């Protein structure tokens, strides 16, 4: 079963917003935090991705 981070990544990939440099930077930071095993940073990064998308892209 997919984790919440995996589901969020799948939604992110399907929105087609990869043209946005800030989306790409925030998602890269989120992935680095996950790969580094830092759950707190990964959670903070996920909030940053979602907040940006709501503000910038009305998603």
C-alpha atoms as a PDB file:
ATOM      1  CA  UNK A   1       0.000   0.000   0.000  1.00  0.00           C
ATOM      2  CA  UNK A   2       1.284   3.467  -0.867  1.00  0.00           C
ATOM      3  CA  UNK A   3       2.360   5.897   1.840  1.00  0.00           C
ATOM      4  CA  UNK A   4       0.883   9.375   2.051  1.00  0.00           C
ATOM      5  CA  UNK A   5       4.120  10.743   0.560  1.00  0.00           C
ATOM      6  CA  UNK A   6       3.897   8.348  -2.369  1.00  0.00           C
ATOM      7  CA  UNK A   7       0.273   9.307  -2.977  1.00  0.00           C
ATOM      8  CA  UNK A   8       1.197  13.002  -2.825  1.00  0.00           C
ATOM      9  CA  UNK A   9       4.019  12.429  -5.312  1.00  0.00           C
ATOM     10  CA  UNK A  10       1.647  10.620  -7.667  1.00  0.00           C
ATOM     11  CA  UNK A  11      -0.814  13.521  -7.479  1.00  0.00           C
ATOM     12  CA  UNK A  12       2.020  15.988  -8.028  1.00  0.00           C
ATOM     13  CA  UNK A  13       3.178  14.128 -11.115  1.00  0.00           C
ATOM     14  CA  UNK A  14      -0.324  14.016 -12.545  1.00  0.00           C
ATOM     15  CA  UNK A  15      -1.064  17.739 -12.174  1.00  0.00           C
ATOM     16  CA  UNK A  16       1.268  18.740 -15.004  1.00  0.00           C
ATOM     17  CA  UNK A  17       2.769  21.667 -13.090  1.00  0.00           C
ATOM     18  CA  UNK A  18       6.348  20.676 -13.610  1.00  0.00           C
ATOM     19  CA  UNK A  19       6.756  23.801 -15.742  1.00  0.00           C
ATOM     20  CA  UNK A  20       6.799  25.732 -12.459  1.00  0.00           C
ATOM     21  CA  UNK A  21      10.365  26.148 -11.201  1.00  0.00           C
ATOM     22  CA  UNK A  22       9.227  26.574  -7.606  1.00  0.00           C
ATOM     23  CA  UNK A  23       7.153  23.374  -7.774  1.00  0.00           C
ATOM     24  CA  UNK A  24      10.199  21.502  -9.047  1.00  0.00           C
ATOM     25  CA  UNK A  25      12.475  22.954  -6.355  1.00  0.00           C
ATOM     26  CA  UNK A  26      10.029  22.195  -3.551  1.00  0.00           C
ATOM     27  CA  UNK A  27       9.435  18.661  -4.796  1.00  0.00           C
ATOM     28  CA  UNK A  28      13.186  18.048  -5.094  1.00  0.00           C
ATOM     29  CA  UNK A  29      13.664  19.218  -1.493  1.00  0.00           C
ATOM     30  CA  UNK A  30      10.862  16.895  -0.379  1.00  0.00           C
ATOM     31  CA  UNK A  31      12.440  13.924  -2.144  1.00  0.00           C
ATOM     32  CA  UNK A  32      15.870  14.698  -0.649  1.00  0.00           C
ATOM     33  CA  UNK A  33      14.360  14.775   2.840  1.00  0.00           C
ATOM     34  CA  UNK A  34      12.644  11.433   2.258  1.00  0.00           C
ATOM     35  CA  UNK A  35      15.818   9.880   0.868  1.00  0.00           C
ATOM     36  CA  UNK A  36      17.751  11.254   3.830  1.00  0.00           C
ATOM     37  CA  UNK A  37      15.334   9.608   6.226  1.00  0.00           C
ATOM     38  CA  UNK A  38      14.371  12.861   7.941  1.00  0.00           C
ATOM     39  CA  UNK A  39      10.657  12.468   8.572  1.00  0.00           C
ATOM     40  CA  UNK A  40      10.269  15.942  10.076  1.00  0.00           C
ATOM     41  CA  UNK A  41      11.902  17.673   7.111  1.00  0.00           C
ATOM     42  CA  UNK A  42       9.935  15.476   4.711  1.00  0.00           C
ATOM     43  CA  UNK A  43       6.692  16.508   6.401  1.00  0.00           C
ATOM     44  CA  UNK A  44       7.654  20.172   6.353  1.00  0.00           C
ATOM     45  CA  UNK A  45       8.581  19.899   2.688  1.00  0.00           C
ATOM     46  CA  UNK A  46       5.266  18.238   1.852  1.00  0.00           C
ATOM     47  CA  UNK A  47       3.429  21.111   3.556  1.00  0.00           C
ATOM     48  CA  UNK A  48       5.536  23.584   1.549  1.00  0.00           C
ATOM     49  CA  UNK A  49       4.688  21.811  -1.733  1.00  0.00           C
ATOM     50  CA  UNK A  50       0.975  21.751  -0.967  1.00  0.00           C
ATOM     51  CA  UNK A  51       0.906  25.346   0.279  1.00  0.00           C
ATOM     52  CA  UNK A  52       2.693  26.586  -2.823  1.00  0.00           C
ATOM     53  CA  UNK A  53       0.311  24.724  -5.111  1.00  0.00           C
ATOM     54  CA  UNK A  54      -2.720  26.170  -3.370  1.00  0.00           C
ATOM     55  CA  UNK A  55      -1.331  29.715  -3.453  1.00  0.00           C
ATOM     56  CA  UNK A  56       0.272  29.705  -6.884  1.00  0.00           C
ATOM     57  CA  UNK A  57      -1.886  27.287  -8.821  1.00  0.00           C
ATOM     58  CA  UNK A  58      -5.201  27.262  -6.934  1.00  0.00           C
ATOM     59  CA  UNK A  59      -5.065  23.469  -6.459  1.00  0.00           C
END
